[in-house]
N, C-alpha and C. Protein backbone atom coordinates (compact mmCIF):
# COMPACT_ATOMS: atom_id res chain seq x y z
N UNK A 1 30.79 10.68 59.16
CA UNK A 1 30.00 9.36 58.67
C UNK A 1 29.17 8.73 60.12
N UNK A 2 27.94 8.24 59.66
CA UNK A 2 27.42 7.91 60.46
C UNK A 2 28.02 6.34 61.21
N UNK A 3 27.93 6.18 62.25
CA UNK A 3 28.22 4.93 62.96
C UNK A 3 27.13 3.99 63.13
N UNK A 4 27.14 2.81 62.88
CA UNK A 4 26.16 1.99 63.23
C UNK A 4 26.35 1.40 64.67
N UNK A 5 25.25 0.92 65.21
CA UNK A 5 25.62 0.29 66.70
C UNK A 5 25.99 -1.11 66.25
N UNK A 6 26.74 -1.50 67.42
CA UNK A 6 27.64 -3.11 66.93
C UNK A 6 26.26 -3.86 66.96
N UNK A 7 26.75 -4.94 66.12
CA UNK A 7 25.69 -6.25 65.74
C UNK A 7 25.58 -6.86 66.95
N UNK A 8 24.50 -7.77 66.98
CA UNK A 8 24.06 -8.57 68.28
C UNK A 8 23.58 -7.86 69.37
N UNK A 9 22.77 -8.88 70.21
CA UNK A 9 22.15 -8.40 71.59
C UNK A 9 22.85 -7.37 72.48
N UNK A 10 22.42 -6.47 73.31
CA UNK A 10 22.76 -6.19 74.26
C UNK A 10 23.12 -6.94 75.68
N UNK A 11 23.96 -6.95 76.49
CA UNK A 11 24.21 -7.68 77.53
C UNK A 11 23.50 -7.18 78.63
N UNK A 12 23.35 -6.01 78.60
CA UNK A 12 22.56 -5.37 79.92
C UNK A 12 21.57 -4.55 79.46
N UNK A 13 20.46 -4.72 80.05
CA UNK A 13 19.34 -4.30 79.77
C UNK A 13 18.65 -2.98 80.96
N UNK A 14 17.84 -2.10 80.48
CA UNK A 14 17.37 -1.14 81.16
C UNK A 14 15.97 -1.61 81.59
N UNK A 15 15.79 -1.38 83.13
CA UNK A 15 14.30 -1.95 83.78
C UNK A 15 13.68 -0.75 84.04
N UNK A 16 12.48 -0.64 83.86
CA UNK A 16 11.73 0.37 84.17
C UNK A 16 11.70 0.79 85.86
N UNK A 17 11.81 1.58 86.42
CA UNK A 17 11.83 1.72 87.96
C UNK A 17 10.05 1.72 88.44
N UNK A 18 9.32 1.94 87.67
CA UNK A 18 7.79 2.01 87.90
C UNK A 18 6.94 2.16 86.77
N UNK A 19 5.84 1.45 86.99
CA UNK A 19 4.96 1.10 85.85
C UNK A 19 3.60 1.82 86.20
N UNK A 20 3.88 2.72 87.22
CA UNK A 20 2.54 3.47 87.53
C UNK A 20 1.98 4.09 86.20
N UNK A 21 0.71 4.19 86.21
CA UNK A 21 0.01 5.21 85.03
C UNK A 21 0.31 4.65 83.59
N UNK A 22 1.19 3.56 83.55
CA UNK A 22 1.24 3.25 82.13
C UNK A 22 0.53 1.94 81.60
N UNK A 23 0.00 1.86 80.47
CA UNK A 23 -0.57 0.55 80.28
C UNK A 23 0.42 -0.45 80.06
N UNK A 24 0.26 -1.75 79.86
CA UNK A 24 1.07 -2.65 79.38
C UNK A 24 1.55 -2.24 78.03
N UNK A 25 1.15 -2.05 77.19
CA UNK A 25 1.61 -1.63 75.80
C UNK A 25 2.46 -0.49 76.01
N UNK A 26 2.35 0.39 76.54
CA UNK A 26 3.15 1.79 76.87
C UNK A 26 4.44 1.26 77.55
N UNK A 27 4.25 0.23 78.45
CA UNK A 27 5.58 -0.12 79.03
C UNK A 27 6.32 -1.04 78.14
N UNK A 28 5.82 -1.88 77.39
CA UNK A 28 6.73 -2.61 76.60
C UNK A 28 7.31 -1.73 75.51
N UNK A 29 6.68 -0.66 75.04
CA UNK A 29 7.34 0.18 74.09
C UNK A 29 8.43 1.11 74.58
N UNK A 30 8.32 1.66 75.88
CA UNK A 30 9.38 2.39 76.69
C UNK A 30 10.40 1.50 76.95
N UNK A 31 10.20 0.23 77.41
CA UNK A 31 11.51 -0.71 77.70
C UNK A 31 12.15 -0.98 76.38
N UNK A 32 11.39 -1.31 75.19
CA UNK A 32 12.22 -1.86 74.04
C UNK A 32 12.86 -0.08 73.69
N UNK A 33 12.49 1.22 73.55
CA UNK A 33 13.23 2.25 73.19
C UNK A 33 14.41 2.27 74.50
N UNK A 34 14.12 1.92 75.59
CA UNK A 34 15.35 2.46 76.50
C UNK A 34 16.53 1.10 76.45
N UNK A 35 16.02 0.12 75.47
CA UNK A 35 17.16 -1.05 75.59
C UNK A 35 17.46 -1.04 74.01
N UNK A 36 17.21 -0.10 73.04
CA UNK A 36 17.55 -0.44 71.66
C UNK A 36 18.83 0.43 71.49
N UNK A 37 19.92 -0.27 71.12
CA UNK A 37 20.96 0.48 70.70
C UNK A 37 20.85 1.61 69.43
N UNK A 38 19.81 1.74 68.52
CA UNK A 38 19.57 2.29 67.41
C UNK A 38 19.23 3.61 68.04
N UNK A 39 18.42 3.60 68.83
CA UNK A 39 17.77 4.75 69.62
C UNK A 39 18.76 5.82 70.28
N UNK A 40 19.66 4.80 71.11
CA UNK A 40 21.08 5.80 71.61
C UNK A 40 21.81 6.23 70.52
N UNK A 41 22.07 5.43 69.38
CA UNK A 41 23.04 5.74 68.31
C UNK A 41 22.44 7.34 67.85
N UNK A 42 21.05 7.04 67.56
CA UNK A 42 20.45 8.31 66.81
C UNK A 42 20.50 9.63 67.59
N UNK A 43 20.39 9.24 69.08
CA UNK A 43 20.76 10.46 69.80
C UNK A 43 22.07 10.97 69.83
N UNK A 44 22.84 9.81 70.23
CA UNK A 44 24.28 10.29 70.13
C UNK A 44 24.80 11.18 68.92
N UNK A 45 24.56 10.68 67.30
CA UNK A 45 24.66 11.10 66.58
C UNK A 45 23.74 12.18 65.77
N UNK A 46 22.73 12.72 66.47
CA UNK A 46 21.95 13.93 66.25
C UNK A 46 21.15 13.47 65.03
N UNK A 47 20.35 12.21 64.91
CA UNK A 47 19.51 11.86 63.99
C UNK A 47 18.26 12.04 64.44
N UNK A 48 17.11 12.71 63.87
CA UNK A 48 15.64 12.80 64.49
C UNK A 48 15.08 11.52 64.96
N UNK A 49 15.49 10.24 64.35
CA UNK A 49 15.04 8.92 64.74
C UNK A 49 16.02 7.94 64.41
N UNK A 50 15.63 6.61 64.97
CA UNK A 50 16.38 5.36 64.77
C UNK A 50 16.23 5.24 63.26
N UNK A 51 15.04 5.75 62.82
CA UNK A 51 14.79 5.30 61.23
C UNK A 51 15.78 5.71 60.20
N UNK A 52 16.37 6.50 60.77
CA UNK A 52 17.70 7.21 59.90
C UNK A 52 18.63 6.02 59.55
N UNK A 53 18.94 4.98 60.22
CA UNK A 53 19.85 3.99 60.15
C UNK A 53 19.16 2.88 59.12
N UNK A 54 18.06 3.05 58.94
CA UNK A 54 17.31 1.92 58.02
C UNK A 54 17.78 2.52 56.25
N UNK A 55 17.72 3.94 56.46
CA UNK A 55 18.16 4.49 54.77
C UNK A 55 19.51 4.58 54.73
N UNK A 56 20.41 4.39 55.87
CA UNK A 56 21.80 4.73 55.54
C UNK A 56 22.25 3.04 55.38
N UNK A 57 21.45 2.12 55.97
CA UNK A 57 21.90 0.55 55.55
C UNK A 57 21.70 0.28 54.25
N UNK A 58 20.31 0.74 53.77
CA UNK A 58 19.88 0.56 52.47
C UNK A 58 20.82 1.25 51.58
N UNK A 59 21.19 2.58 51.89
CA UNK A 59 22.19 3.10 50.60
C UNK A 59 23.46 2.44 50.55
N UNK A 60 24.20 1.89 52.02
CA UNK A 60 25.23 1.34 51.92
C UNK A 60 25.15 -0.08 51.03
N UNK A 61 24.05 -0.89 50.87
CA UNK A 61 23.89 -1.62 50.15
C UNK A 61 23.52 -1.64 48.81
N UNK A 62 22.55 -0.29 48.22
CA UNK A 62 22.39 -0.38 46.87
C UNK A 62 22.76 0.94 46.46
N UNK A 63 23.47 1.50 47.04
CA UNK A 63 24.08 3.12 46.65
C UNK A 63 23.18 3.93 45.97
N UNK A 64 22.09 4.07 46.80
CA UNK A 64 20.98 5.19 46.34
C UNK A 64 21.53 6.57 46.14
N UNK A 65 22.36 6.90 47.08
CA UNK A 65 22.66 8.69 47.16
C UNK A 65 24.00 8.79 46.75
N UNK A 66 24.09 10.03 46.14
CA UNK A 66 25.38 10.35 45.60
C UNK A 66 25.42 11.89 45.48
N UNK A 67 26.48 12.52 45.65
CA UNK A 67 26.71 13.88 45.59
C UNK A 67 26.10 14.65 44.50
N UNK A 68 24.89 15.61 44.80
CA UNK A 68 24.21 16.37 43.76
C UNK A 68 23.09 15.68 43.32
N UNK A 69 22.59 14.63 43.98
CA UNK A 69 21.24 13.98 43.87
C UNK A 69 20.03 14.90 44.06
N UNK A 70 19.10 15.05 43.67
CA UNK A 70 17.89 15.70 44.04
C UNK A 70 16.98 14.40 44.65
N UNK A 71 16.52 14.73 46.10
CA UNK A 71 15.73 13.74 46.73
C UNK A 71 14.46 14.21 47.06
N UNK A 72 13.41 13.46 46.95
CA UNK A 72 12.01 13.74 47.25
C UNK A 72 11.70 12.73 48.29
N UNK A 73 11.43 13.04 49.57
CA UNK A 73 11.21 12.12 50.84
C UNK A 73 9.68 12.20 50.95
N UNK A 74 9.01 11.22 50.66
CA UNK A 74 7.48 11.52 51.23
C UNK A 74 7.04 10.78 52.77
N UNK A 75 6.24 11.33 53.22
CA UNK A 75 6.15 11.08 54.45
C UNK A 75 7.38 11.14 55.42
N UNK A 76 7.87 12.39 55.18
CA UNK A 76 9.05 12.55 55.87
C UNK A 76 9.34 12.72 57.34
N UNK A 77 7.98 13.04 58.02
CA UNK A 77 8.38 13.46 59.25
C UNK A 77 8.68 12.08 60.07
N UNK A 78 9.92 12.28 61.08
CA UNK A 78 10.06 13.70 61.70
C UNK A 78 11.36 14.18 60.90
N UNK A 79 11.86 13.73 59.78
CA UNK A 79 12.77 14.28 59.12
C UNK A 79 14.48 13.50 59.30
N UNK A 80 14.41 12.25 59.78
CA UNK A 80 15.34 11.79 59.74
C UNK A 80 16.21 11.15 58.15
N UNK A 81 15.11 10.73 57.40
CA UNK A 81 15.68 10.04 56.23
C UNK A 81 16.19 11.46 55.12
N UNK A 82 15.50 12.61 55.44
CA UNK A 82 15.73 13.99 54.76
C UNK A 82 17.29 14.61 55.31
N UNK A 83 17.71 14.11 56.72
CA UNK A 83 18.70 14.39 57.36
C UNK A 83 20.02 13.62 56.45
N UNK A 84 19.59 12.22 56.57
CA UNK A 84 20.69 11.39 55.91
C UNK A 84 20.91 11.86 54.55
N UNK A 85 20.05 12.21 53.64
CA UNK A 85 20.01 12.62 52.19
C UNK A 85 21.09 13.81 52.24
N UNK A 86 20.66 14.97 53.00
CA UNK A 86 21.69 16.03 53.24
C UNK A 86 22.87 15.67 53.38
N UNK A 87 23.16 14.73 54.54
CA UNK A 87 24.37 14.32 55.01
C UNK A 87 25.41 13.92 54.08
N UNK A 88 24.50 12.89 53.29
CA UNK A 88 25.16 12.29 52.08
C UNK A 88 25.44 12.80 50.76
N UNK A 89 25.49 14.32 50.67
CA UNK A 89 25.40 15.13 49.72
C UNK A 89 24.59 15.23 48.69
N UNK A 90 23.19 15.12 49.07
CA UNK A 90 22.19 15.74 47.71
C UNK A 90 22.43 17.14 48.01
N UNK A 91 21.92 17.54 46.79
CA UNK A 91 21.79 19.08 46.31
C UNK A 91 20.75 19.65 46.57
N UNK A 92 19.57 18.95 46.56
CA UNK A 92 18.15 19.44 46.94
C UNK A 92 17.47 18.33 47.66
N UNK A 93 16.92 18.70 48.79
CA UNK A 93 16.17 17.65 49.34
C UNK A 93 14.70 18.37 49.79
N UNK A 94 13.62 17.80 49.33
CA UNK A 94 12.34 18.05 49.85
C UNK A 94 11.65 17.04 50.42
N UNK A 95 10.88 17.35 51.36
CA UNK A 95 10.46 16.20 52.11
C UNK A 95 8.96 16.84 52.19
N UNK A 96 7.95 15.96 52.29
CA UNK A 96 6.56 15.87 52.46
C UNK A 96 5.93 15.37 53.33
N UNK A 97 4.77 15.75 54.13
CA UNK A 97 4.32 15.17 55.07
C UNK A 97 3.00 15.94 55.48
N UNK A 98 1.88 15.31 56.04
CA UNK A 98 0.63 15.97 56.38
C UNK A 98 1.06 16.53 57.95
N UNK A 99 2.20 16.13 58.64
CA UNK A 99 2.31 16.57 59.68
C UNK A 99 3.50 17.71 59.64
N UNK A 100 3.59 18.82 60.50
CA UNK A 100 4.77 19.72 60.39
C UNK A 100 5.82 19.07 60.70
N UNK A 101 7.23 19.38 60.21
CA UNK A 101 8.34 19.07 60.53
C UNK A 101 9.13 20.02 60.95
N UNK A 102 10.08 19.94 62.05
CA UNK A 102 11.11 20.93 62.25
C UNK A 102 12.00 21.01 61.24
N UNK A 103 12.54 22.41 61.29
CA UNK A 103 13.50 22.42 60.01
C UNK A 103 14.88 21.52 59.91
N UNK A 104 15.32 21.20 58.90
CA UNK A 104 16.44 20.53 58.71
C UNK A 104 17.60 21.32 57.71
N UNK A 105 18.38 22.11 58.39
CA UNK A 105 19.50 22.49 57.21
C UNK A 105 19.78 21.89 55.84
N UNK A 106 19.59 22.44 54.95
CA UNK A 106 19.79 21.52 53.82
C UNK A 106 18.55 21.11 53.03
N UNK A 107 17.47 20.90 53.69
CA UNK A 107 15.95 20.44 53.21
C UNK A 107 15.05 21.29 53.25
N UNK A 108 14.04 21.21 52.37
CA UNK A 108 12.65 21.92 52.43
C UNK A 108 11.68 20.87 52.65
N UNK A 109 11.06 21.52 53.66
CA UNK A 109 9.63 20.77 54.10
C UNK A 109 8.29 21.52 53.48
N UNK A 110 7.39 20.44 52.98
CA UNK A 110 6.14 21.00 52.70
C UNK A 110 4.96 20.17 53.42
N UNK A 111 4.22 21.04 53.95
CA UNK A 111 3.23 20.01 54.79
C UNK A 111 1.85 20.03 53.78
N UNK A 112 1.69 18.87 53.25
CA UNK A 112 1.05 18.73 52.09
C UNK A 112 0.49 17.09 52.28
N UNK A 113 -0.62 17.00 51.56
CA UNK A 113 -0.91 15.56 51.48
C UNK A 113 -0.45 14.98 50.03
N UNK A 114 0.01 14.02 49.83
CA UNK A 114 0.73 13.42 48.62
C UNK A 114 -0.27 13.23 47.57
N UNK A 115 -1.31 12.93 47.87
CA UNK A 115 -2.60 12.63 46.88
C UNK A 115 -2.88 13.94 46.42
N UNK A 116 -2.56 14.94 46.78
CA UNK A 116 -2.95 16.50 46.10
C UNK A 116 -2.47 16.65 44.68
N UNK A 117 -3.30 16.36 43.50
CA UNK A 117 -2.70 16.15 42.23
C UNK A 117 -1.97 17.48 41.82
N UNK A 118 -2.08 18.78 42.64
CA UNK A 118 -1.48 19.74 42.40
C UNK A 118 0.15 19.73 42.64
N UNK A 119 0.31 18.64 43.61
CA UNK A 119 1.77 18.74 44.50
C UNK A 119 2.92 18.66 43.47
N UNK A 120 2.88 17.60 42.66
CA UNK A 120 4.12 17.34 41.84
C UNK A 120 4.68 18.70 40.98
N UNK A 121 3.71 19.52 40.54
CA UNK A 121 4.35 20.87 40.05
C UNK A 121 5.07 21.62 40.96
N UNK A 122 4.65 21.81 42.31
CA UNK A 122 5.09 22.36 43.43
C UNK A 122 6.55 21.91 43.75
N UNK A 123 6.48 20.62 44.01
CA UNK A 123 7.60 19.84 44.34
C UNK A 123 8.87 19.92 43.15
N UNK A 124 8.29 19.72 41.79
CA UNK A 124 9.25 19.99 40.78
C UNK A 124 10.16 21.38 40.84
N UNK A 125 9.39 22.64 41.35
CA UNK A 125 9.63 23.72 41.38
C UNK A 125 10.78 23.74 42.46
N UNK A 126 10.49 23.49 43.75
CA UNK A 126 11.36 23.37 44.84
C UNK A 126 12.42 22.73 44.80
N UNK A 127 12.45 21.40 43.99
CA UNK A 127 13.82 20.42 43.89
C UNK A 127 14.44 21.17 42.72
N UNK A 128 14.22 21.84 41.58
CA UNK A 128 14.88 22.56 40.53
C UNK A 128 15.06 21.67 39.69
N UNK A 129 13.86 20.44 39.43
CA UNK A 129 13.86 19.72 38.42
C UNK A 129 13.54 18.26 38.69
N UNK A 130 13.67 17.11 37.92
CA UNK A 130 13.40 15.85 38.45
C UNK A 130 14.31 15.35 39.65
N UNK A 131 13.69 14.53 40.20
CA UNK A 131 14.34 13.64 41.20
C UNK A 131 15.23 12.56 40.89
N UNK A 132 16.26 12.49 41.36
CA UNK A 132 17.03 11.32 41.14
C UNK A 132 16.75 10.15 42.02
N UNK A 133 16.08 10.49 43.05
CA UNK A 133 15.78 9.32 44.17
C UNK A 133 14.29 9.91 45.01
N UNK A 134 13.58 8.91 44.92
CA UNK A 134 12.06 9.18 45.58
C UNK A 134 12.03 8.19 46.63
N UNK A 135 11.95 8.73 47.90
CA UNK A 135 11.87 7.81 49.04
C UNK A 135 10.63 7.98 49.63
N UNK A 136 10.02 6.88 50.22
CA UNK A 136 8.83 6.86 51.21
C UNK A 136 8.78 5.75 52.22
N UNK A 137 9.02 6.26 53.77
CA UNK A 137 8.79 5.68 54.70
C UNK A 137 7.74 5.43 55.43
N UNK A 138 6.44 5.79 54.59
CA UNK A 138 5.19 6.15 55.10
C UNK A 138 4.67 4.67 55.62
N UNK A 139 3.92 4.71 56.57
CA UNK A 139 3.11 3.66 57.08
C UNK A 139 1.96 4.06 57.73
N UNK A 140 0.86 3.17 57.62
CA UNK A 140 -0.53 3.72 58.39
C UNK A 140 -0.24 2.83 59.71
N UNK A 141 -1.34 3.53 60.65
CA UNK A 141 -1.34 3.13 62.08
C UNK A 141 -1.93 1.51 62.02
N UNK A 142 -1.20 0.60 62.49
CA UNK A 142 -1.57 -0.73 62.35
C UNK A 142 -2.62 -1.09 63.19
N UNK A 143 -3.61 -2.17 62.63
CA UNK A 143 -4.73 -2.53 63.24
C UNK A 143 -4.72 -4.01 64.05
N UNK A 144 -3.34 -4.88 63.98
CA UNK A 144 -3.12 -6.00 64.34
C UNK A 144 -3.37 -7.03 63.54
N UNK A 145 -4.71 -6.83 62.44
CA UNK A 145 -5.02 -7.80 61.36
C UNK A 145 -3.95 -7.73 60.22
N UNK A 146 -3.34 -8.65 60.25
CA UNK A 146 -2.11 -8.72 59.08
C UNK A 146 -2.70 -8.25 57.66
N UNK A 147 -3.73 -8.93 56.99
CA UNK A 147 -4.45 -8.52 55.78
C UNK A 147 -4.55 -7.11 55.68
N UNK A 148 -5.23 -6.72 56.69
CA UNK A 148 -5.78 -5.34 56.63
C UNK A 148 -4.28 -4.18 56.84
N UNK A 149 -3.67 -4.38 57.43
CA UNK A 149 -2.46 -3.85 57.64
C UNK A 149 -1.57 -3.87 56.34
N UNK A 150 -1.50 -5.05 55.86
CA UNK A 150 -0.62 -5.13 54.36
C UNK A 150 -1.46 -4.33 53.31
N UNK A 151 -2.60 -4.41 53.37
CA UNK A 151 -3.43 -3.75 52.42
C UNK A 151 -3.17 -2.18 52.41
N UNK A 152 -3.42 -1.58 53.69
CA UNK A 152 -2.99 -0.44 53.79
C UNK A 152 -1.79 0.07 53.40
N UNK A 153 -0.70 -0.48 53.81
CA UNK A 153 0.55 -0.08 53.31
C UNK A 153 1.00 -0.36 51.99
N UNK A 154 0.45 -1.43 51.40
CA UNK A 154 0.36 -1.42 49.87
C UNK A 154 -0.38 -0.49 49.28
N UNK A 155 -1.32 0.35 49.49
CA UNK A 155 -2.04 1.51 49.17
C UNK A 155 -1.23 2.43 49.19
N UNK A 156 -0.40 3.07 50.20
CA UNK A 156 0.51 3.95 50.58
C UNK A 156 1.58 3.95 49.45
N UNK A 157 2.06 2.87 49.46
CA UNK A 157 3.34 2.48 48.36
C UNK A 157 2.95 2.63 47.14
N UNK A 158 1.54 2.30 46.72
CA UNK A 158 1.22 2.29 45.49
C UNK A 158 1.05 4.03 44.93
N UNK A 159 0.60 4.92 46.02
CA UNK A 159 0.30 6.23 45.90
C UNK A 159 1.67 6.91 45.88
N UNK A 160 2.62 6.43 46.46
CA UNK A 160 3.94 7.11 46.42
C UNK A 160 4.63 6.55 45.22
N UNK A 161 4.46 5.50 44.52
CA UNK A 161 5.01 5.18 43.41
C UNK A 161 4.03 6.09 42.19
N UNK A 162 3.07 6.29 42.08
CA UNK A 162 2.46 7.03 41.43
C UNK A 162 2.91 8.52 41.46
N UNK A 163 3.33 9.15 42.57
CA UNK A 163 4.21 10.60 42.61
C UNK A 163 5.39 10.08 42.04
N UNK A 164 6.37 9.21 42.21
CA UNK A 164 7.51 8.91 41.61
C UNK A 164 7.76 8.55 40.09
N UNK A 165 6.53 8.11 39.78
CA UNK A 165 6.54 7.72 38.16
C UNK A 165 6.34 9.32 37.58
N UNK A 166 5.94 10.43 38.21
CA UNK A 166 6.02 11.75 37.44
C UNK A 166 7.07 12.48 37.99
N UNK A 167 7.84 12.21 39.37
CA UNK A 167 8.81 13.00 39.68
C UNK A 167 10.27 12.67 39.44
N UNK A 168 10.35 11.12 38.99
CA UNK A 168 11.82 10.83 38.88
C UNK A 168 12.40 11.14 37.58
N UNK A 169 13.69 11.47 37.23
CA UNK A 169 14.48 11.50 36.21
C UNK A 169 14.85 10.09 35.57
N UNK A 170 15.15 9.98 34.49
CA UNK A 170 15.36 8.56 33.71
C UNK A 170 16.77 8.23 34.62
N UNK A 171 16.74 6.90 35.16
CA UNK A 171 17.89 6.36 35.74
C UNK A 171 17.58 6.38 37.27
N UNK A 172 16.60 7.00 37.62
CA UNK A 172 16.41 7.03 39.03
C UNK A 172 15.88 6.03 40.01
N UNK A 173 15.95 6.05 41.10
CA UNK A 173 15.47 4.88 42.06
C UNK A 173 14.41 5.45 42.76
N UNK A 174 13.57 4.46 43.51
CA UNK A 174 12.44 4.38 44.31
C UNK A 174 12.54 3.69 45.22
N UNK A 175 12.56 4.08 46.49
CA UNK A 175 12.18 3.00 48.03
C UNK A 175 10.96 3.29 48.51
N UNK A 176 10.32 2.27 48.96
CA UNK A 176 9.00 2.43 49.54
C UNK A 176 8.99 1.27 50.71
N UNK A 177 8.36 1.54 51.90
CA UNK A 177 8.09 0.47 52.84
C UNK A 177 6.79 -0.35 52.30
N UNK A 178 6.88 -1.49 52.80
CA UNK A 178 5.88 -2.47 52.59
C UNK A 178 6.03 -3.30 53.84
N UNK A 179 5.01 -4.25 53.61
CA UNK A 179 5.13 -5.06 54.83
C UNK A 179 5.49 -6.76 54.28
N UNK A 180 5.84 -7.74 55.16
CA UNK A 180 6.18 -8.89 54.61
C UNK A 180 4.97 -9.52 53.78
N UNK A 181 5.43 -10.19 52.82
CA UNK A 181 4.59 -10.51 51.66
C UNK A 181 4.75 -9.89 50.52
N UNK A 182 5.54 -8.79 50.60
CA UNK A 182 6.23 -7.78 49.68
C UNK A 182 5.06 -6.96 49.11
N UNK A 183 5.66 -6.29 48.05
CA UNK A 183 4.53 -5.70 47.19
C UNK A 183 3.37 -6.58 46.74
N UNK A 184 2.37 -6.07 46.20
CA UNK A 184 1.34 -6.69 45.65
C UNK A 184 1.58 -6.87 44.29
N UNK A 185 0.79 -7.80 43.71
CA UNK A 185 1.41 -8.20 42.07
C UNK A 185 1.05 -7.04 41.13
N UNK A 186 0.07 -6.16 41.42
CA UNK A 186 -0.10 -5.09 40.69
C UNK A 186 0.88 -4.04 40.74
N UNK A 187 1.39 -4.08 41.76
CA UNK A 187 2.24 -3.03 42.29
C UNK A 187 3.45 -3.53 41.44
N UNK A 188 3.96 -4.80 41.97
CA UNK A 188 5.28 -5.22 41.19
C UNK A 188 5.32 -5.30 39.56
N UNK A 189 4.33 -5.33 39.00
CA UNK A 189 4.13 -5.26 37.65
C UNK A 189 4.26 -4.11 37.35
N UNK A 190 3.90 -2.90 37.81
CA UNK A 190 4.23 -1.52 37.58
C UNK A 190 5.59 -1.22 37.66
N UNK A 191 6.29 -1.64 38.89
CA UNK A 191 7.67 -1.40 39.34
C UNK A 191 8.54 -2.06 37.98
N UNK A 192 8.10 -3.62 37.61
CA UNK A 192 9.11 -4.21 36.80
C UNK A 192 9.16 -3.55 35.41
N UNK A 193 7.92 -2.84 35.03
CA UNK A 193 7.77 -2.31 33.73
C UNK A 193 8.47 -0.92 33.71
N UNK A 194 8.48 -0.27 34.75
CA UNK A 194 9.18 1.01 34.86
C UNK A 194 10.75 1.42 35.40
N UNK A 195 11.32 0.05 36.07
CA UNK A 195 12.76 0.19 36.55
C UNK A 195 13.18 -1.16 36.07
N UNK A 196 14.62 -1.26 35.99
CA UNK A 196 15.52 -2.29 35.21
C UNK A 196 15.62 -3.34 36.52
N UNK A 197 15.68 -2.47 37.76
CA UNK A 197 15.82 -3.72 38.88
C UNK A 197 14.68 -3.29 39.86
N UNK A 198 14.41 -4.46 40.37
CA UNK A 198 13.36 -4.21 41.78
C UNK A 198 13.66 -5.29 42.69
N UNK A 199 14.07 -5.17 43.91
CA UNK A 199 14.54 -5.96 44.90
C UNK A 199 13.60 -5.47 46.30
N UNK A 200 13.66 -6.63 46.95
CA UNK A 200 13.03 -6.47 48.37
C UNK A 200 14.28 -6.40 49.33
N UNK A 201 14.11 -5.54 50.50
CA UNK A 201 15.17 -5.50 51.47
C UNK A 201 14.74 -5.46 53.03
N UNK A 202 15.28 -6.03 54.12
CA UNK A 202 14.91 -5.71 55.33
C UNK A 202 16.41 -5.23 55.74
N UNK A 203 16.66 -4.07 56.24
CA UNK A 203 17.84 -3.52 56.64
C UNK A 203 18.05 -3.83 58.30
N UNK A 204 19.19 -4.19 58.72
CA UNK A 204 19.53 -4.40 59.97
C UNK A 204 18.71 -4.02 61.14
N UNK A 205 18.80 -2.44 60.60
CA UNK A 205 17.97 -1.51 61.89
C UNK A 205 16.46 -1.83 61.88
N UNK A 206 15.83 -2.41 61.00
CA UNK A 206 14.37 -3.13 61.02
C UNK A 206 14.40 -3.82 62.18
N UNK A 207 13.37 -3.51 63.17
CA UNK A 207 13.56 -4.68 64.14
C UNK A 207 13.04 -5.83 63.87
N UNK A 208 13.46 -6.87 64.28
CA UNK A 208 13.17 -8.32 63.76
C UNK A 208 11.82 -8.70 63.90
N UNK A 209 11.19 -8.23 65.10
CA UNK A 209 9.63 -8.27 65.54
C UNK A 209 8.83 -7.73 64.31
N UNK A 210 9.35 -6.58 63.74
CA UNK A 210 8.65 -5.89 62.73
C UNK A 210 8.30 -6.72 61.41
N UNK A 211 7.42 -6.40 60.99
CA UNK A 211 6.90 -7.19 59.49
C UNK A 211 7.54 -6.17 58.39
N UNK A 212 7.95 -5.18 58.67
CA UNK A 212 8.34 -4.15 57.49
C UNK A 212 9.44 -4.83 56.49
N UNK A 213 9.20 -4.62 55.45
CA UNK A 213 10.34 -4.77 54.19
C UNK A 213 10.29 -3.37 53.48
N UNK A 214 11.20 -3.38 52.53
CA UNK A 214 11.55 -2.04 51.72
C UNK A 214 11.60 -2.61 50.33
N UNK A 215 10.69 -2.10 49.55
CA UNK A 215 10.85 -2.48 47.92
C UNK A 215 12.12 -1.48 47.32
N UNK A 216 12.99 -1.80 46.64
CA UNK A 216 14.02 -0.80 46.16
C UNK A 216 14.14 -1.34 44.63
N UNK A 217 13.71 -0.17 43.87
CA UNK A 217 13.62 -0.18 42.26
C UNK A 217 14.57 0.68 41.84
N UNK A 218 15.42 0.22 40.85
CA UNK A 218 16.73 1.14 40.56
C UNK A 218 16.43 1.37 39.02
N UNK A 219 17.02 2.14 38.38
CA UNK A 219 17.02 2.29 36.98
C UNK A 219 15.95 2.54 36.18
N UNK A 220 15.07 4.00 36.72
CA UNK A 220 14.07 4.23 35.82
C UNK A 220 14.00 4.41 34.59
N UNK A 221 13.07 3.76 33.95
CA UNK A 221 13.11 3.78 32.48
C UNK A 221 11.78 4.84 32.13
N UNK A 222 11.20 5.10 32.80
CA UNK A 222 9.96 5.86 32.83
C UNK A 222 8.49 5.36 32.88
N UNK A 223 7.73 5.89 32.90
CA UNK A 223 6.11 5.22 33.19
C UNK A 223 5.89 4.38 31.81
N UNK A 224 5.30 3.26 32.08
CA UNK A 224 4.65 2.28 31.09
C UNK A 224 3.78 2.99 30.08
N UNK A 225 4.11 2.78 28.40
CA UNK A 225 3.34 3.46 27.78
C UNK A 225 2.09 2.90 27.64
N UNK A 226 1.06 3.85 27.63
CA UNK A 226 -0.55 3.57 27.65
C UNK A 226 -0.97 3.00 26.08
N UNK A 227 -1.40 2.01 26.15
CA UNK A 227 -2.13 1.43 24.69
C UNK A 227 -3.12 2.12 24.10
N UNK A 228 -3.22 2.43 22.83
CA UNK A 228 -4.31 3.01 22.37
C UNK A 228 -5.68 2.08 21.98
N UNK A 229 -5.27 0.88 22.09
CA UNK A 229 -6.04 -0.19 21.89
C UNK A 229 -7.27 -0.20 22.80
């Protein structure tokens, strides 16, 4: 069972011995990594990244994973969320990313663009049927411009939702990263039409200074019917 880091700030910090050759931004990133209890816990427990704890915390709250479930992990690199799905009893885990991913026992990784229209048929074959859970931790490279970054991540979440609509079994769930401000109105309308419950959540493992949130949709009813009118 995964052990989460203790709550609250650490009393002792690690200082960099030298900043030679490092930009101020890289110095801040490295110092943050060295002093992040989730990074230390991820190393100690064998997770690919600290992001594994985000899914663990979301699952503890929303009960997304169960023994025997089929899981599709979009934007899966470096593989931490797929690891969590395997360890929590998924019978089939398929991860997709444009980047190569080192193997994870119990998971299958596909190097592909999720915008490829031929991909869902391949994924269904690898999963052995429809998915019970579709995950997306995808995020674009940030620009520092809040509006631009928000639009970019919502576009990725919309793309993930399009794949989920095709891949989910009735009653399934969908989780996707968005930025603060939540999902755009059009995406929320799609979610509420297709799922019984739609909520936003920020797991404790998500850094306080980060603007990321997750939209969690459960009780998939199927894609909305298209009117002939």
